[in-house]
Amino acid sequence: GSDFIKTSTGKETVNATFPVAIVMLRAIRDFFWKTGNKIGFKPAGGIRSAKDALAWLSLIKEELGDEWLKPELFRIGASTLLSDIERQIYHHVTGRYAAYHDLPMS
């Protein structure tokens, strides 16, 4: 009856890991094949960089397909990720990395 399953609260010592995620994603896929119901997935904790987020996006795409790459079915629980994404966009636009005063909300 769940809409989403989540790897952890993000507060533990060990958080979202690929081996555990693969098991969870395959369970989501098996459940979908048996019932036709799509369950979302949220890896949480330890995802701190845009590079990490891309790895998770790739895993979802490979295991579940493009349909799961929507906010209704895939969310990343990582509060520190936003700062890195802002820095990467800033670098892409300006050609240099931001100083702390350039992105005060980070």
C-alpha atoms as a PDB file:
ATOM      1  CA  GLY A   1       0.000   0.000   0.000  1.00  0.00           C
ATOM      2  CA  SER A   2       3.006   2.352  -0.096  1.00  0.00           C
ATOM      3  CA  ASP A   3       3.486   5.063  -2.702  1.00  0.00           C
ATOM      4  CA  PHE A   4       7.253   5.222  -2.078  1.00  0.00           C
ATOM      5  CA  ILE A   5       9.973   3.208  -0.427  1.00  0.00           C
ATOM      6  CA  LYS A   6      13.068   4.856   1.008  1.00  0.00           C
ATOM      7  CA  THR A   7      16.561   3.518   1.705  1.00  0.00           C
ATOM      8  CA  SER A   8      16.929   5.197   5.105  1.00  0.00           C
ATOM      9  CA  THR A   9      16.225   8.330   7.058  1.00  0.00           C
ATOM     10  CA  GLY A  10      19.599   9.738   6.066  1.00  0.00           C
ATOM     11  CA  LYS A  11      20.546  10.021   9.747  1.00  0.00           C
ATOM     12  CA  GLU A  12      22.306   6.652  10.061  1.00  0.00           C
ATOM     13  CA  THR A  13      26.029   5.967   9.771  1.00  0.00           C
ATOM     14  CA  VAL A  14      25.473   3.979   6.561  1.00  0.00           C
ATOM     15  CA  ASN A  15      22.893   5.467   4.248  1.00  0.00           C
ATOM     16  CA  ALA A  16      21.847   4.853   0.653  1.00  0.00           C
ATOM     17  CA  THR A  17      24.070   2.214  -0.933  1.00  0.00           C
ATOM     18  CA  PHE A  18      23.899   0.726  -4.404  1.00  0.00           C
ATOM     19  CA  PRO A  19      23.718  -2.958  -3.357  1.00  0.00           C
ATOM     20  CA  VAL A  20      20.717  -2.323  -1.107  1.00  0.00           C
ATOM     21  CA  ALA A  21      19.133  -0.045  -3.691  1.00  0.00           C
ATOM     22  CA  ILE A  22      19.381  -2.695  -6.413  1.00  0.00           C
ATOM     23  CA  VAL A  23      17.485  -5.162  -4.225  1.00  0.00           C
ATOM     24  CA  MET A  24      14.826  -2.537  -3.514  1.00  0.00           C
ATOM     25  CA  LEU A  25      14.521  -1.496  -7.159  1.00  0.00           C
ATOM     26  CA  ARG A  26      14.139  -5.080  -8.305  1.00  0.00           C
ATOM     27  CA  ALA A  27      11.412  -5.576  -5.693  1.00  0.00           C
ATOM     28  CA  ILE A  28       9.658  -2.472  -7.078  1.00  0.00           C
ATOM     29  CA  ARG A  29       9.976  -3.884 -10.602  1.00  0.00           C
ATOM     30  CA  ASP A  30       8.680  -7.326  -9.572  1.00  0.00           C
ATOM     31  CA  PHE A  31       5.752  -5.722  -7.751  1.00  0.00           C
ATOM     32  CA  PHE A  32       4.933  -3.670 -10.851  1.00  0.00           C
ATOM     33  CA  TRP A  33       5.062  -6.741 -13.091  1.00  0.00           C
ATOM     34  CA  LYS A  34       2.714  -8.637 -10.747  1.00  0.00           C
ATOM     35  CA  THR A  35       0.234  -5.859  -9.956  1.00  0.00           C
ATOM     36  CA  GLY A  36       0.656  -3.071 -12.507  1.00  0.00           C
ATOM     37  CA  ASN A  37       1.134  -0.615  -9.605  1.00  0.00           C
ATOM     38  CA  LYS A  38       4.127   1.709  -9.714  1.00  0.00           C
ATOM     39  CA  ILE A  39       5.892   2.377  -6.430  1.00  0.00           C
ATOM     40  CA  GLY A  40       8.332   5.260  -6.112  1.00  0.00           C
ATOM     41  CA  PHE A  41      11.877   5.145  -4.764  1.00  0.00           C
ATOM     42  CA  LYS A  42      13.812   7.617  -2.630  1.00  0.00           C
ATOM     43  CA  PRO A  43      17.479   7.060  -1.845  1.00  0.00           C
ATOM     44  CA  ALA A  44      18.406   9.103   1.214  1.00  0.00           C
ATOM     45  CA  GLY A  45      21.631  10.035   2.896  1.00  0.00           C
ATOM     46  CA  GLY A  46      25.148  10.189   1.552  1.00  0.00           C
ATOM     47  CA  ILE A  47      24.189  11.781  -1.772  1.00  0.00           C
ATOM     48  CA  ARG A  48      26.119  15.037  -1.650  1.00  0.00           C
ATOM     49  CA  SER A  49      27.199  15.865  -5.184  1.00  0.00           C
ATOM     50  CA  ALA A  50      25.713  16.261  -8.631  1.00  0.00           C
ATOM     51  CA  LYS A  51      27.969  13.381  -9.695  1.00  0.00           C
ATOM     52  CA  ASP A  52      26.379  11.163  -7.012  1.00  0.00           C
ATOM     53  CA  ALA A  53      22.907  12.176  -8.188  1.00  0.00           C
ATOM     54  CA  LEU A  54      23.769  11.241 -11.780  1.00  0.00           C
ATOM     55  CA  ALA A  55      24.866   7.797 -10.634  1.00  0.00           C
ATOM     56  CA  TRP A  56      21.509   7.302  -8.913  1.00  0.00           C
ATOM     57  CA  LEU A  57      19.635   8.532 -11.990  1.00  0.00           C
ATOM     58  CA  SER A  58      21.548   6.007 -14.097  1.00  0.00           C
ATOM     59  CA  LEU A  59      20.727   3.200 -11.684  1.00  0.00           C
ATOM     60  CA  ILE A  60      17.004   4.025 -11.766  1.00  0.00           C
ATOM     61  CA  LYS A  61      17.019   4.225 -15.570  1.00  0.00           C
ATOM     62  CA  GLU A  62      18.824   0.877 -15.913  1.00  0.00           C
ATOM     63  CA  GLU A  63      16.698  -1.008 -13.378  1.00  0.00           C
ATOM     64  CA  LEU A  64      13.241   0.543 -13.860  1.00  0.00           C
ATOM     65  CA  GLY A  65      13.332   2.578 -17.063  1.00  0.00           C
ATOM     66  CA  ASP A  66      12.558   6.143 -18.056  1.00  0.00           C
ATOM     67  CA  GLU A  67       9.051   6.075 -16.555  1.00  0.00           C
ATOM     68  CA  TRP A  68      10.563   6.165 -13.063  1.00  0.00           C
ATOM     69  CA  LEU A  69      12.656   9.272 -13.767  1.00  0.00           C
ATOM     70  CA  LYS A  70       9.779  11.554 -12.759  1.00  0.00           C
ATOM     71  CA  PRO A  71       9.278  13.328  -9.414  1.00  0.00           C
ATOM     72  CA  GLU A  72       6.152  11.232  -8.834  1.00  0.00           C
ATOM     73  CA  LEU A  73       8.293   8.076  -8.741  1.00  0.00           C
ATOM     74  CA  PHE A  74      11.867   9.145  -7.949  1.00  0.00           C
ATOM     75  CA  ARG A  75      13.145  11.640  -5.398  1.00  0.00           C
ATOM     76  CA  ILE A  76      16.546  12.109  -3.876  1.00  0.00           C
ATOM     77  CA  GLY A  77      16.658  12.766  -0.147  1.00  0.00           C
ATOM     78  CA  ALA A  78      19.833  14.788   0.189  1.00  0.00           C
ATOM     79  CA  SER A  79      19.810  18.221   1.739  1.00  0.00           C
ATOM     80  CA  THR A  80      23.447  18.966   0.890  1.00  0.00           C
ATOM     81  CA  LEU A  81      23.004  18.106  -2.791  1.00  0.00           C
ATOM     82  CA  LEU A  82      21.435  21.466  -3.693  1.00  0.00           C
ATOM     83  CA  SER A  83      24.605  23.385  -2.828  1.00  0.00           C
ATOM     84  CA  ASP A  84      26.722  21.267  -5.163  1.00  0.00           C
ATOM     85  CA  ILE A  85      24.200  21.569  -7.994  1.00  0.00           C
ATOM     86  CA  GLU A  86      24.224  25.364  -7.568  1.00  0.00           C
ATOM     87  CA  ARG A  87      28.023  25.382  -7.700  1.00  0.00           C
ATOM     88  CA  GLN A  88      28.065  23.200 -10.822  1.00  0.00           C
ATOM     89  CA  ILE A  89      25.562  25.451 -12.622  1.00  0.00           C
ATOM     90  CA  TYR A  90      27.532  28.545 -11.579  1.00  0.00           C
ATOM     91  CA  HIS A  91      30.712  26.968 -12.965  1.00  0.00           C
ATOM     92  CA  HIS A  92      28.968  26.032 -16.216  1.00  0.00           C
ATOM     93  CA  VAL A  93      27.675  29.574 -16.714  1.00  0.00           C
ATOM     94  CA  THR A  94      30.702  31.578 -15.562  1.00  0.00           C
ATOM     95  CA  GLY A  95      33.593  29.192 -16.199  1.00  0.00           C
ATOM     96  CA  ARG A  96      34.749  29.413 -12.576  1.00  0.00           C
ATOM     97  CA  TYR A  97      33.644  27.911  -9.301  1.00  0.00           C
ATOM     98  CA  ALA A  98      31.687  30.093  -6.907  1.00  0.00           C
ATOM     99  CA  ALA A  99      33.171  31.565  -3.751  1.00  0.00           C
ATOM    100  CA  TYR A 100      31.070  31.162  -0.619  1.00  0.00           C
ATOM    101  CA  HIS A 101      29.848  34.763  -0.860  1.00  0.00           C
ATOM    102  CA  ASP A 102      28.674  34.197  -4.467  1.00  0.00           C
ATOM    103  CA  LEU A 103      26.054  31.679  -3.331  1.00  0.00           C
ATOM    104  CA  PRO A 104      25.076  32.765   0.166  1.00  0.00           C
ATOM    105  CA  MET A 105      22.224  30.275   0.528  1.00  0.00           C
ATOM    106  CA  SER A 106      24.558  27.286  -0.003  1.00  0.00           C
END
